[in-house]
PDB file of N, CA and C in Angstrom:
ATOM      1  N   GLN A   1     124.039  48.199 116.028  1.00  0.00           N
ATOM      2  CA  GLN A   1     125.374  48.693 115.718  1.00  0.00           C
ATOM      3  C   GLN A   1     125.663  48.440 114.243  1.00  0.00           C
ATOM      4  N   VAL A   2     126.270  49.406 113.607  1.00  0.00           N
ATOM      5  CA  VAL A   2     126.542  49.328 112.177  1.00  0.00           C
ATOM      6  C   VAL A   2     127.968  48.837 111.932  1.00  0.00           C
ATOM      7  N   HIS A   3     128.091  47.913 110.993  1.00  0.00           N
ATOM      8  CA  HIS A   3     129.408  47.413 110.588  1.00  0.00           C
ATOM      9  C   HIS A   3     129.519  47.472 109.079  1.00  0.00           C
ATOM     10  N   LEU A   4     130.691  47.827 108.595  1.00  0.00           N
ATOM     11  CA  LEU A   4     130.986  47.823 107.169  1.00  0.00           C
ATOM     12  C   LEU A   4     132.035  46.762 106.918  1.00  0.00           C
ATOM     13  N   VAL A   5     131.764  45.889 105.949  1.00  0.00           N
ATOM     14  CA  VAL A   5     132.673  44.788 105.647  1.00  0.00           C
ATOM     15  C   VAL A   5     133.031  44.832 104.162  1.00  0.00           C
ATOM     16  N   GLU A   6     134.324  45.004 103.908  1.00  0.00           N
ATOM     17  CA  GLU A   6     134.801  45.062 102.529  1.00  0.00           C
ATOM     18  C   GLU A   6     135.213  43.674 102.042  1.00  0.00           C
ATOM     19  N   SER A   7     135.140  43.501 100.733  1.00  0.00           N
ATOM     20  CA  SER A   7     135.648  42.291 100.093  1.00  0.00           C
ATOM     21  C   SER A   7     136.031  42.635  98.659  1.00  0.00           C
ATOM     22  N   GLY A   8     136.789  41.726  98.055  1.00  0.00           N
ATOM     23  CA  GLY A   8     137.130  41.902  96.648  1.00  0.00           C
ATOM     24  C   GLY A   8     138.526  42.398  96.371  1.00  0.00           C
ATOM     25  N   GLY A   9     139.277  42.695  97.408  1.00  0.00           N
ATOM     26  CA  GLY A   9     140.649  43.122  97.177  1.00  0.00           C
ATOM     27  C   GLY A   9     141.513  41.961  96.734  1.00  0.00           C
ATOM     28  N   GLY A  10     142.739  42.259  96.379  1.00  0.00           N
ATOM     29  CA  GLY A  10     143.653  41.206  95.959  1.00  0.00           C
ATOM     30  C   GLY A  10     144.775  41.755  95.121  1.00  0.00           C
ATOM     31  N   LEU A  11     145.359  40.875  94.348  1.00  0.00           N
ATOM     32  CA  LEU A  11     146.497  41.222  93.501  1.00  0.00           C
ATOM     33  C   LEU A  11     146.046  41.333  92.050  1.00  0.00           C
ATOM     34  N   ALA A  12     146.471  42.382  91.393  1.00  0.00           N
ATOM     35  CA  ALA A  12     146.158  42.573  89.983  1.00  0.00           C
ATOM     36  C   ALA A  12     147.389  43.117  89.273  1.00  0.00           C
ATOM     37  N   GLN A  13     147.477  42.845  88.007  1.00  0.00           N
ATOM     38  CA  GLN A  13     148.561  43.406  87.203  1.00  0.00           C
ATOM     39  C   GLN A  13     148.129  44.764  86.659  1.00  0.00           C
ATOM     40  N   PRO A  14     149.081  45.613  86.361  1.00  0.00           N
ATOM     41  CA  PRO A  14     148.722  46.912  85.757  1.00  0.00           C
ATOM     42  C   PRO A  14     147.827  46.735  84.533  1.00  0.00           C
ATOM     43  N   GLY A  15     146.779  47.549  84.478  1.00  0.00           N
ATOM     44  CA  GLY A  15     145.830  47.465  83.384  1.00  0.00           C
ATOM     45  C   GLY A  15     144.648  46.557  83.650  1.00  0.00           C
ATOM     46  N   GLU A  16     144.754  45.741  84.661  1.00  0.00           N
ATOM     47  CA  GLU A  16     143.652  44.833  84.983  1.00  0.00           C
ATOM     48  C   GLU A  16     142.587  45.533  85.827  1.00  0.00           C
ATOM     49  N   SER A  17     141.561  44.761  86.177  1.00  0.00           N
ATOM     50  CA  SER A  17     140.422  45.306  86.924  1.00  0.00           C
ATOM     51  C   SER A  17     140.175  44.504  88.195  1.00  0.00           C
ATOM     52  N   LEU A  18     139.613  45.183  89.176  1.00  0.00           N
ATOM     53  CA  LEU A  18     139.121  44.561  90.398  1.00  0.00           C
ATOM     54  C   LEU A  18     137.811  45.233  90.773  1.00  0.00           C
ATOM     55  N   ARG A  19     136.995  44.510  91.506  1.00  0.00           N
ATOM     56  CA  ARG A  19     135.738  45.076  91.993  1.00  0.00           C
ATOM     57  C   ARG A  19     135.671  44.900  93.494  1.00  0.00           C
ATOM     58  N   LEU A  20     135.593  46.003  94.195  1.00  0.00           N
ATOM     59  CA  LEU A  20     135.435  45.976  95.638  1.00  0.00           C
ATOM     60  C   LEU A  20     133.956  46.024  95.998  1.00  0.00           C
ATOM     61  N   SER A  21     133.621  45.304  97.066  1.00  0.00           N
ATOM     62  CA  SER A  21     132.259  45.307  97.574  1.00  0.00           C
ATOM     63  C   SER A  21     132.263  45.723  99.030  1.00  0.00           C
ATOM     64  N   CYS A  22     131.165  46.303  99.467  1.00  0.00           N
ATOM     65  CA  CYS A  22     131.039  46.720 100.863  1.00  0.00           C
ATOM     66  C   CYS A  22     129.636  46.402 101.346  1.00  0.00           C
ATOM     67  N   LEU A  23     129.559  45.598 102.380  1.00  0.00           N
ATOM     68  CA  LEU A  23     128.279  45.255 102.978  1.00  0.00           C
ATOM     69  C   LEU A  23     128.072  46.099 104.228  1.00  0.00           C
ATOM     70  N   VAL A  24     126.939  46.756 104.297  1.00  0.00           N
ATOM     71  CA  VAL A  24     126.578  47.532 105.480  1.00  0.00           C
ATOM     72  C   VAL A  24     125.607  46.697 106.309  1.00  0.00           C
ATOM     73  N   SER A  25     126.078  46.218 107.439  1.00  0.00           N
ATOM     74  CA  SER A  25     125.225  45.418 108.315  1.00  0.00           C
ATOM     75  C   SER A  25     124.797  46.254 109.507  1.00  0.00           C
ATOM     76  N   GLY A  26     123.651  45.919 110.052  1.00  0.00           N
ATOM     77  CA  GLY A  26     123.087  46.726 111.113  1.00  0.00           C
ATOM     78  C   GLY A  26     122.134  47.752 110.522  1.00  0.00           C
ATOM     79  N   ARG A  27     121.502  48.541 111.351  1.00  0.00           N
ATOM     80  CA  ARG A  27     120.485  49.471 110.884  1.00  0.00           C
ATOM     81  C   ARG A  27     121.015  50.884 110.805  1.00  0.00           C
ATOM     82  N   MET A  28     120.947  51.440 109.594  1.00  0.00           N
ATOM     83  CA  MET A  28     121.340  52.822 109.425  1.00  0.00           C
ATOM     84  C   MET A  28     120.165  53.765 109.659  1.00  0.00           C
ATOM     85  N   PHE A  29     118.954  53.262 109.699  1.00  0.00           N
ATOM     86  CA  PHE A  29     117.762  54.062 109.959  1.00  0.00           C
ATOM     87  C   PHE A  29     117.640  55.251 109.023  1.00  0.00           C
ATOM     88  N   GLY A  30     117.726  54.976 107.760  1.00  0.00           N
ATOM     89  CA  GLY A  30     117.505  56.035 106.793  1.00  0.00           C
ATOM     90  C   GLY A  30     118.592  56.051 105.735  1.00  0.00           C
ATOM     91  N   PRO A  31     118.526  57.030 104.845  1.00  0.00           N
ATOM     92  CA  PRO A  31     119.496  57.101 103.761  1.00  0.00           C
ATOM     93  C   PRO A  31     120.908  57.416 104.259  1.00  0.00           C
ATOM     94  N   TYR A  32     121.887  56.990 103.486  1.00  0.00           N
ATOM     95  CA  TYR A  32     123.268  57.264 103.851  1.00  0.00           C
ATOM     96  C   TYR A  32     124.129  57.323 102.599  1.00  0.00           C
ATOM     97  N   VAL A  33     125.188  58.045 102.715  1.00  0.00           N
ATOM     98  CA  VAL A  33     126.191  58.154 101.661  1.00  0.00           C
ATOM     99  C   VAL A  33     127.246  57.076 101.907  1.00  0.00           C
ATOM    100  N   MET A  34     127.691  56.449 100.847  1.00  0.00           N
ATOM    101  CA  MET A  34     128.775  55.464 100.933  1.00  0.00           C
ATOM    102  C   MET A  34     129.981  55.977 100.160  1.00  0.00           C
ATOM    103  N   GLY A  35     131.148  55.516 100.577  1.00  0.00           N
ATOM    104  CA  GLY A  35     132.348  55.956  99.882  1.00  0.00           C
ATOM    105  C   GLY A  35     133.521  55.037 100.136  1.00  0.00           C
ATOM    106  N   TRP A  36     134.657  55.429  99.553  1.00  0.00           N
ATOM    107  CA  TRP A  36     135.896  54.680  99.730  1.00  0.00           C
ATOM    108  C   TRP A  36     137.042  55.654  99.965  1.00  0.00           C
ATOM    109  N   PHE A  37     137.881  55.292 100.898  1.00  0.00           N
ATOM    110  CA  PHE A  37     139.158  55.946 101.112  1.00  0.00           C
ATOM    111  C   PHE A  37     140.242  54.886 100.917  1.00  0.00           C
ATOM    112  N   ARG A  38     141.459  55.341 100.764  1.00  0.00           N
ATOM    113  CA  ARG A  38     142.567  54.397 100.680  1.00  0.00           C
ATOM    114  C   ARG A  38     143.796  54.973 101.358  1.00  0.00           C
ATOM    115  N   GLN A  39     144.675  54.066 101.774  1.00  0.00           N
ATOM    116  CA  GLN A  39     145.931  54.484 102.394  1.00  0.00           C
ATOM    117  C   GLN A  39     147.051  53.585 101.904  1.00  0.00           C
ATOM    118  N   ALA A  40     148.005  54.203 101.257  1.00  0.00           N
ATOM    119  CA  ALA A  40     149.182  53.487 100.775  1.00  0.00           C
ATOM    120  C   ALA A  40     150.274  53.549 101.844  1.00  0.00           C
ATOM    121  N   PRO A  41     151.210  52.617 101.814  1.00  0.00           N
ATOM    122  CA  PRO A  41     152.290  52.607 102.810  1.00  0.00           C
ATOM    123  C   PRO A  41     153.048  53.931 102.829  1.00  0.00           C
ATOM    124  N   GLY A  42     153.183  54.496 104.012  1.00  0.00           N
ATOM    125  CA  GLY A  42     153.926  55.733 104.160  1.00  0.00           C
ATOM    126  C   GLY A  42     153.192  56.977 103.715  1.00  0.00           C
ATOM    127  N   LYS A  43     151.930  56.831 103.339  1.00  0.00           N
ATOM    128  CA  LYS A  43     151.173  57.986 102.873  1.00  0.00           C
ATOM    129  C   LYS A  43     149.943  58.207 103.734  1.00  0.00           C
ATOM    130  N   GLU A  44     149.383  59.406 103.642  1.00  0.00           N
ATOM    131  CA  GLU A  44     148.174  59.703 104.378  1.00  0.00           C
ATOM    132  C   GLU A  44     146.959  59.055 103.703  1.00  0.00           C
ATOM    133  N   ARG A  45     145.955  58.817 104.519  1.00  0.00           N
ATOM    134  CA  ARG A  45     144.714  58.297 103.978  1.00  0.00           C
ATOM    135  C   ARG A  45     144.087  59.344 103.061  1.00  0.00           C
ATOM    136  N   GLU A  46     143.543  58.901 101.925  1.00  0.00           N
ATOM    137  CA  GLU A  46     142.981  59.844 100.976  1.00  0.00           C
ATOM    138  C   GLU A  46     141.618  59.390 100.481  1.00  0.00           C
ATOM    139  N   PHE A  47     140.807  60.362 100.136  1.00  0.00           N
ATOM    140  CA  PHE A  47     139.496  60.124  99.560  1.00  0.00           C
ATOM    141  C   PHE A  47     139.645  59.528  98.173  1.00  0.00           C
ATOM    142  N   VAL A  48     138.773  58.552  97.866  1.00  0.00           N
ATOM    143  CA  VAL A  48     138.777  57.947  96.542  1.00  0.00           C
ATOM    144  C   VAL A  48     137.480  58.238  95.803  1.00  0.00           C
ATOM    145  N   ALA A  49     136.345  57.899  96.430  1.00  0.00           N
ATOM    146  CA  ALA A  49     135.067  58.055  95.738  1.00  0.00           C
ATOM    147  C   ALA A  49     133.931  58.025  96.754  1.00  0.00           C
ATOM    148  N   ALA A  50     132.786  58.553  96.351  1.00  0.00           N
ATOM    149  CA  ALA A  50     131.586  58.496  97.179  1.00  0.00           C
ATOM    150  C   ALA A  50     130.357  58.564  96.284  1.00  0.00           C
ATOM    151  N   ILE A  51     129.258  58.034  96.814  1.00  0.00           N
ATOM    152  CA  ILE A  51     128.012  58.026  96.062  1.00  0.00           C
ATOM    153  C   ILE A  51     126.861  58.265  97.031  1.00  0.00           C
ATOM    154  N   ASP A  52     125.876  59.043  96.589  1.00  0.00           N
ATOM    155  CA  ASP A  52     124.784  59.353  97.496  1.00  0.00           C
ATOM    156  C   ASP A  52     123.741  58.235  97.500  1.00  0.00           C
ATOM    157  N   TRP A  53     122.721  58.412  98.318  1.00  0.00           N
ATOM    158  CA  TRP A  53     121.717  57.365  98.503  1.00  0.00           C
ATOM    159  C   TRP A  53     121.018  57.006  97.190  1.00  0.00           C
ATOM    160  N   SER A  54     120.711  57.999  96.385  1.00  0.00           N
ATOM    161  CA  SER A  54     119.985  57.741  95.148  1.00  0.00           C
ATOM    162  C   SER A  54     120.854  57.072  94.087  1.00  0.00           C
ATOM    163  N   GLY A  55     122.157  57.181  94.248  1.00  0.00           N
ATOM    164  CA  GLY A  55     123.067  56.663  93.236  1.00  0.00           C
ATOM    165  C   GLY A  55     123.276  57.610  92.072  1.00  0.00           C
ATOM    166  N   VAL A  56     122.616  58.745  92.116  1.00  0.00           N
ATOM    167  CA  VAL A  56     122.714  59.699  91.014  1.00  0.00           C
ATOM    168  C   VAL A  56     123.947  60.590  91.163  1.00  0.00           C
ATOM    169  N   ARG A  57     124.192  60.991  92.386  1.00  0.00           N
ATOM    170  CA  ARG A  57     125.294  61.918  92.631  1.00  0.00           C
ATOM    171  C   ARG A  57     126.516  61.161  93.130  1.00  0.00           C
ATOM    172  N   SER A  58     127.672  61.421  92.519  1.00  0.00           N
ATOM    173  CA  SER A  58     128.904  60.760  92.928  1.00  0.00           C
ATOM    174  C   SER A  58     130.059  61.746  92.862  1.00  0.00           C
ATOM    175  N   ASP A  59     131.154  61.356  93.458  1.00  0.00           N
ATOM    176  CA  ASP A  59     132.329  62.216  93.517  1.00  0.00           C
ATOM    177  C   ASP A  59     133.553  61.310  93.451  1.00  0.00           C
ATOM    178  N   TYR A  60     134.553  61.714  92.685  1.00  0.00           N
ATOM    179  CA  TYR A  60     135.747  60.897  92.520  1.00  0.00           C
ATOM    180  C   TYR A  60     136.996  61.759  92.645  1.00  0.00           C
ATOM    181  N   ALA A  61     138.017  61.182  93.244  1.00  0.00           N
ATOM    182  CA  ALA A  61     139.313  61.842  93.255  1.00  0.00           C
ATOM    183  C   ALA A  61     139.829  61.934  91.822  1.00  0.00           C
ATOM    184  N   ASP A  62     140.557  62.979  91.539  1.00  0.00           N
ATOM    185  CA  ASP A  62     141.081  63.163  90.180  1.00  0.00           C
ATOM    186  C   ASP A  62     141.928  61.973  89.738  1.00  0.00           C
ATOM    187  N   SER A  63     142.614  61.362  90.671  1.00  0.00           N
ATOM    188  CA  SER A  63     143.530  60.269  90.343  1.00  0.00           C
ATOM    189  C   SER A  63     142.816  59.012  89.854  1.00  0.00           C
ATOM    190  N   VAL A  64     141.515  58.907  90.124  1.00  0.00           N
ATOM    191  CA  VAL A  64     140.776  57.699  89.723  1.00  0.00           C
ATOM    192  C   VAL A  64     139.628  58.005  88.777  1.00  0.00           C
ATOM    193  N   LYS A  65     139.365  59.263  88.537  1.00  0.00           N
ATOM    194  CA  LYS A  65     138.239  59.650  87.690  1.00  0.00           C
ATOM    195  C   LYS A  65     138.405  59.045  86.300  1.00  0.00           C
ATOM    196  N   GLY A  66     137.344  58.440  85.809  1.00  0.00           N
ATOM    197  CA  GLY A  66     137.381  57.791  84.505  1.00  0.00           C
ATOM    198  C   GLY A  66     137.823  56.345  84.552  1.00  0.00           C
ATOM    199  N   ARG A  67     138.377  55.927  85.693  1.00  0.00           N
ATOM    200  CA  ARG A  67     138.824  54.530  85.831  1.00  0.00           C
ATOM    201  C   ARG A  67     138.008  53.765  86.877  1.00  0.00           C
ATOM    202  N   PHE A  68     137.615  54.462  87.933  1.00  0.00           N
ATOM    203  CA  PHE A  68     136.844  53.825  89.000  1.00  0.00           C
ATOM    204  C   PHE A  68     135.390  54.286  88.918  1.00  0.00           C
ATOM    205  N   THR A  69     134.482  53.372  89.226  1.00  0.00           N
ATOM    206  CA  THR A  69     133.059  53.697  89.216  1.00  0.00           C
ATOM    207  C   THR A  69     132.383  53.067  90.419  1.00  0.00           C
ATOM    208  N   MET A  70     131.685  53.907  91.178  1.00  0.00           N
ATOM    209  CA  MET A  70     130.929  53.410  92.322  1.00  0.00           C
ATOM    210  C   MET A  70     129.486  53.133  91.912  1.00  0.00           C
ATOM    211  N   SER A  71     128.901  52.147  92.573  1.00  0.00           N
ATOM    212  CA  SER A  71     127.482  51.868  92.432  1.00  0.00           C
ATOM    213  C   SER A  71     126.983  51.319  93.761  1.00  0.00           C
ATOM    214  N   ARG A  72     125.682  51.153  93.883  1.00  0.00           N
ATOM    215  CA  ARG A  72     125.137  50.625  95.129  1.00  0.00           C
ATOM    216  C   ARG A  72     123.814  49.934  94.876  1.00  0.00           C
ATOM    217  N   ASP A  73     123.501  49.011  95.775  1.00  0.00           N
ATOM    218  CA  ASP A  73     122.227  48.307  95.752  1.00  0.00           C
ATOM    219  C   ASP A  73     121.636  48.460  97.149  1.00  0.00           C
ATOM    220  N   ASN A  74     120.743  49.411  97.319  1.00  0.00           N
ATOM    221  CA  ASN A  74     120.226  49.723  98.645  1.00  0.00           C
ATOM    222  C   ASN A  74     119.390  48.584  99.218  1.00  0.00           C
ATOM    223  N   ALA A  75     118.756  47.821  98.362  1.00  0.00           N
ATOM    224  CA  ALA A  75     117.946  46.701  98.845  1.00  0.00           C
ATOM    225  C   ALA A  75     118.819  45.639  99.507  1.00  0.00           C
ATOM    226  N   LYS A  76     120.063  45.552  99.069  1.00  0.00           N
ATOM    227  CA  LYS A  76     120.994  44.562  99.625  1.00  0.00           C
ATOM    228  C   LYS A  76     121.985  45.172 100.599  1.00  0.00           C
ATOM    229  N   ASN A  77     121.870  46.487 100.823  1.00  0.00           N
ATOM    230  CA  ASN A  77     122.818  47.193 101.696  1.00  0.00           C
ATOM    231  C   ASN A  77     124.257  47.013 101.214  1.00  0.00           C
ATOM    232  N   MET A  78     124.429  47.074  99.927  1.00  0.00           N
ATOM    233  CA  MET A  78     125.738  46.850  99.319  1.00  0.00           C
ATOM    234  C   MET A  78     126.192  48.066  98.530  1.00  0.00           C
ATOM    235  N   GLY A  79     127.484  48.301  98.577  1.00  0.00           N
ATOM    236  CA  GLY A  79     128.120  49.294  97.732  1.00  0.00           C
ATOM    237  C   GLY A  79     129.254  48.623  96.985  1.00  0.00           C
ATOM    238  N   TYR A  80     129.549  49.162  95.804  1.00  0.00           N
ATOM    239  CA  TYR A  80     130.567  48.537  94.957  1.00  0.00           C
ATOM    240  C   TYR A  80     131.477  49.617  94.363  1.00  0.00           C
ATOM    241  N   MET A  81     132.694  49.206  94.071  1.00  0.00           N
ATOM    242  CA  MET A  81     133.565  50.091  93.317  1.00  0.00           C
ATOM    243  C   MET A  81     134.300  49.265  92.266  1.00  0.00           C
ATOM    244  N   GLN A  82     133.981  49.510  91.017  1.00  0.00           N
ATOM    245  CA  GLN A  82     134.653  48.867  89.910  1.00  0.00           C
ATOM    246  C   GLN A  82     135.913  49.653  89.596  1.00  0.00           C
ATOM    247  N   MET A  83     137.047  48.978  89.635  1.00  0.00           N
ATOM    248  CA  MET A  83     138.327  49.627  89.418  1.00  0.00           C
ATOM    249  C   MET A  83     138.946  49.058  88.142  1.00  0.00           C
ATOM    250  N   ASN A  84     139.017  49.881  87.128  1.00  0.00           N
ATOM    251  CA  ASN A  84     139.578  49.474  85.840  1.00  0.00           C
ATOM    252  C   ASN A  84     140.915  50.161  85.599  1.00  0.00           C
ATOM    253  N   SER A  85     141.655  49.631  84.648  1.00  0.00           N
ATOM    254  CA  SER A  85     142.947  50.207  84.264  1.00  0.00           C
ATOM    255  C   SER A  85     143.802  50.489  85.492  1.00  0.00           C
ATOM    256  N   LEU A  86     143.924  49.510  86.333  1.00  0.00           N
ATOM    257  CA  LEU A  86     144.655  49.688  87.589  1.00  0.00           C
ATOM    258  C   LEU A  86     146.117  50.026  87.332  1.00  0.00           C
ATOM    259  N   LYS A  87     146.647  50.840  88.232  1.00  0.00           N
ATOM    260  CA  LYS A  87     148.033  51.274  88.162  1.00  0.00           C
ATOM    261  C   LYS A  87     148.754  50.888  89.447  1.00  0.00           C
ATOM    262  N   PRO A  88     150.064  50.754  89.408  1.00  0.00           N
ATOM    263  CA  PRO A  88     150.799  50.430  90.637  1.00  0.00           C
ATOM    264  C   PRO A  88     150.521  51.432  91.752  1.00  0.00           C
ATOM    265  N   GLU A  89     150.288  52.685  91.409  1.00  0.00           N
ATOM    266  CA  GLU A  89     150.023  53.691  92.437  1.00  0.00           C
ATOM    267  C   GLU A  89     148.636  53.547  93.067  1.00  0.00           C
ATOM    268  N   ASP A  90     147.825  52.637  92.571  1.00  0.00           N
ATOM    269  CA  ASP A  90     146.551  52.337  93.212  1.00  0.00           C
ATOM    270  C   ASP A  90     146.731  51.360  94.373  1.00  0.00           C
ATOM    271  N   THR A  91     147.912  50.828  94.537  1.00  0.00           N
ATOM    272  CA  THR A  91     148.183  49.901  95.631  1.00  0.00           C
ATOM    273  C   THR A  91     147.965  50.588  96.969  1.00  0.00           C
ATOM    274  N   ALA A  92     147.095  50.003  97.784  1.00  0.00           N
ATOM    275  CA  ALA A  92     146.748  50.604  99.072  1.00  0.00           C
ATOM    276  C   ALA A  92     145.767  49.690  99.792  1.00  0.00           C
ATOM    277  N   VAL A  93     145.515  50.015 101.035  1.00  0.00           N
ATOM    278  CA  VAL A  93     144.390  49.423 101.759  1.00  0.00           C
ATOM    279  C   VAL A  93     143.183  50.316 101.496  1.00  0.00           C
ATOM    280  N   TYR A  94     142.113  49.718 101.051  1.00  0.00           N
ATOM    281  CA  TYR A  94     140.897  50.456 100.712  1.00  0.00           C
ATOM    282  C   TYR A  94     139.856  50.263 101.811  1.00  0.00           C
ATOM    283  N   TYR A  95     139.305  51.380 102.260  1.00  0.00           N
ATOM    284  CA  TYR A  95     138.342  51.380 103.343  1.00  0.00           C
ATOM    285  C   TYR A  95     136.979  51.840 102.842  1.00  0.00           C
ATOM    286  N   CYS A  96     135.960  51.068 103.144  1.00  0.00           N
ATOM    287  CA  CYS A  96     134.590  51.484 102.869  1.00  0.00           C
ATOM    288  C   CYS A  96     134.129  52.397 103.997  1.00  0.00           C
ATOM    289  N   VAL A  97     133.414  53.450 103.646  1.00  0.00           N
ATOM    290  CA  VAL A  97     132.937  54.410 104.635  1.00  0.00           C
ATOM    291  C   VAL A  97     131.484  54.748 104.386  1.00  0.00           C
ATOM    292  N   ALA A  98     130.833  55.251 105.430  1.00  0.00           N
ATOM    293  CA  ALA A  98     129.434  55.645 105.294  1.00  0.00           C
ATOM    294  C   ALA A  98     129.107  56.744 106.303  1.00  0.00           C
ATOM    295  N   VAL A  99     128.109  57.522 105.939  1.00  0.00           N
ATOM    296  CA  VAL A  99     127.603  58.552 106.843  1.00  0.00           C
ATOM    297  C   VAL A  99     126.121  58.712 106.561  1.00  0.00           C
ATOM    298  N   ARG A 100     125.332  58.833 107.620  1.00  0.00           N
ATOM    299  CA  ARG A 100     123.890  58.972 107.452  1.00  0.00           C
ATOM    300  C   ARG A 100     123.543  60.322 106.837  1.00  0.00           C
ATOM    301  N   GLY A 101     122.466  60.330 106.087  1.00  0.00           N
ATOM    302  CA  GLY A 101     121.924  61.595 105.609  1.00  0.00           C
ATOM    303  C   GLY A 101     121.866  61.739 104.110  1.00  0.00           C
ATOM    304  N   VAL A 102     121.171  62.801 103.709  1.00  0.00           N
ATOM    305  CA  VAL A 102     121.057  63.181 102.304  1.00  0.00           C
ATOM    306  C   VAL A 102     121.693  64.557 102.158  1.00  0.00           C
ATOM    307  N   TYR A 103     122.615  64.695 101.263  1.00  0.00           N
ATOM    308  CA  TYR A 103     123.373  65.923 101.107  1.00  0.00           C
ATOM    309  C   TYR A 103     123.255  66.394  99.664  1.00  0.00           C
ATOM    310  N   THR A 104     122.570  67.501  99.482  1.00  0.00           N
ATOM    311  CA  THR A 104     122.337  67.962  98.117  1.00  0.00           C
ATOM    312  C   THR A 104     123.302  69.066  97.695  1.00  0.00           C
ATOM    313  N   ARG A 105     123.923  69.706  98.650  1.00  0.00           N
ATOM    314  CA  ARG A 105     124.805  70.820  98.308  1.00  0.00           C
ATOM    315  C   ARG A 105     126.252  70.595  98.750  1.00  0.00           C
ATOM    316  N   THR A 106     126.432  69.783  99.758  1.00  0.00           N
ATOM    317  CA  THR A 106     127.782  69.551 100.267  1.00  0.00           C
ATOM    318  C   THR A 106     128.537  68.618  99.346  1.00  0.00           C
ATOM    319  N   SER A 107     129.787  68.926  99.109  1.00  0.00           N
ATOM    320  CA  SER A 107     130.639  68.027  98.358  1.00  0.00           C
ATOM    321  C   SER A 107     130.753  66.697  99.107  1.00  0.00           C
ATOM    322  N   LEU A 108     130.542  65.600  98.399  1.00  0.00           N
ATOM    323  CA  LEU A 108     130.546  64.303  99.068  1.00  0.00           C
ATOM    324  C   LEU A 108     131.904  64.003  99.690  1.00  0.00           C
ATOM    325  N   ARG A 109     132.957  64.453  99.076  1.00  0.00           N
ATOM    326  CA  ARG A 109     134.285  64.175  99.618  1.00  0.00           C
ATOM    327  C   ARG A 109     134.555  64.943 100.912  1.00  0.00           C
ATOM    328  N   ALA A 110     133.761  65.952 101.173  1.00  0.00           N
ATOM    329  CA  ALA A 110     133.972  66.772 102.362  1.00  0.00           C
ATOM    330  C   ALA A 110     133.164  66.290 103.559  1.00  0.00           C
ATOM    331  N   LEU A 111     132.374  65.251 103.371  1.00  0.00           N
ATOM    332  CA  LEU A 111     131.549  64.758 104.464  1.00  0.00           C
ATOM    333  C   LEU A 111     132.394  64.119 105.550  1.00  0.00           C
ATOM    334  N   ASN A 112     131.871  64.153 106.744  1.00  0.00           N
ATOM    335  CA  ASN A 112     132.530  63.518 107.887  1.00  0.00           C
ATOM    336  C   ASN A 112     132.007  62.090 108.014  1.00  0.00           C
ATOM    337  N   PHE A 113     132.674  61.158 107.345  1.00  0.00           N
ATOM    338  CA  PHE A 113     132.249  59.768 107.361  1.00  0.00           C
ATOM    339  C   PHE A 113     132.539  59.168 108.735  1.00  0.00           C
ATOM    340  N   ASP A 114     131.506  58.701 109.406  1.00  0.00           N
ATOM    341  CA  ASP A 114     131.702  58.217 110.762  1.00  0.00           C
ATOM    342  C   ASP A 114     131.631  56.709 110.904  1.00  0.00           C
ATOM    343  N   TYR A 115     131.383  55.998 109.817  1.00  0.00           N
ATOM    344  CA  TYR A 115     131.442  54.544 109.838  1.00  0.00           C
ATOM    345  C   TYR A 115     132.527  54.092 108.865  1.00  0.00           C
ATOM    346  N   TRP A 116     133.413  53.222 109.363  1.00  0.00           N
ATOM    347  CA  TRP A 116     134.548  52.746 108.580  1.00  0.00           C
ATOM    348  C   TRP A 116     134.658  51.232 108.672  1.00  0.00           C
ATOM    349  N   GLY A 117     135.010  50.610 107.550  1.00  0.00           N
ATOM    350  CA  GLY A 117     135.302  49.195 107.555  1.00  0.00           C
ATOM    351  C   GLY A 117     136.735  48.938 107.989  1.00  0.00           C
ATOM    352  N   GLN A 118     137.096  47.660 108.009  1.00  0.00           N
ATOM    353  CA  GLN A 118     138.436  47.265 108.443  1.00  0.00           C
ATOM    354  C   GLN A 118     139.478  47.413 107.326  1.00  0.00           C
ATOM    355  N   GLY A 119     139.014  47.477 106.107  1.00  0.00           N
ATOM    356  CA  GLY A 119     139.925  47.665 104.985  1.00  0.00           C
ATOM    357  C   GLY A 119     140.207  46.376 104.240  1.00  0.00           C
ATOM    358  N   THR A 120     140.497  46.520 102.951  1.00  0.00           N
ATOM    359  CA  THR A 120     140.892  45.386 102.123  1.00  0.00           C
ATOM    360  C   THR A 120     142.088  45.810 101.276  1.00  0.00           C
ATOM    361  N   GLN A 121     143.055  44.930 101.180  1.00  0.00           N
ATOM    362  CA  GLN A 121     144.292  45.257 100.478  1.00  0.00           C
ATOM    363  C   GLN A 121     144.121  45.097  98.974  1.00  0.00           C
ATOM    364  N   VAL A 122     144.560  46.095  98.247  1.00  0.00           N
ATOM    365  CA  VAL A 122     144.640  46.028  96.785  1.00  0.00           C
ATOM    366  C   VAL A 122     146.100  46.243  96.406  1.00  0.00           C
ATOM    367  N   THR A 123     146.645  45.297  95.685  1.00  0.00           N
ATOM    368  CA  THR A 123     148.031  45.386  95.243  1.00  0.00           C
ATOM    369  C   THR A 123     148.079  45.278  93.727  1.00  0.00           C
ATOM    370  N   VAL A 124     148.679  46.269  93.106  1.00  0.00           N
ATOM    371  CA  VAL A 124     148.806  46.280  91.649  1.00  0.00           C
ATOM    372  C   VAL A 124     150.286  46.193  91.319  1.00  0.00           C
ATOM    373  N   SER A 125     150.667  45.066  90.749  1.00  0.00           N
ATOM    374  CA  SER A 125     152.081  44.829  90.482  1.00  0.00           C
ATOM    375  C   SER A 125     152.227  43.806  89.363  1.00  0.00           C
ATOM    376  N   SER A 126     153.262  43.970  88.577  1.00  0.00           N
ATOM    377  CA  SER A 126     153.545  43.001  87.527  1.00  0.00           C
ATOM    378  C   SER A 126     154.530  41.947  88.017  1.00  0.00           C
TER     379      SER A 126
END
């Protein structure tokens, strides 16, 4: 059984940085795409970022492009998201997601992610 466990959330002031980590435990039996979604209070869950197995192809929501960067270490079954220049509107619960497979033509944000973590809270406030 596959489990995703997030860490690294917390409180940050506007302009500061945080780094989220996601551990994929259990056997995925092959390559998989990793990503992040977030949900702010009173808002719908939204796509944030995703990265393919090779780490070459990535996709970012316009709201975080240029500020957030995903990376991964497949040997450690870890995914990361470096979040810089944080804004109050980045406040949300962040969920790590994954889906098996290699996708060369499909937009990563359009994938049906079927593995989800429990979420980690990120709060950006002065």
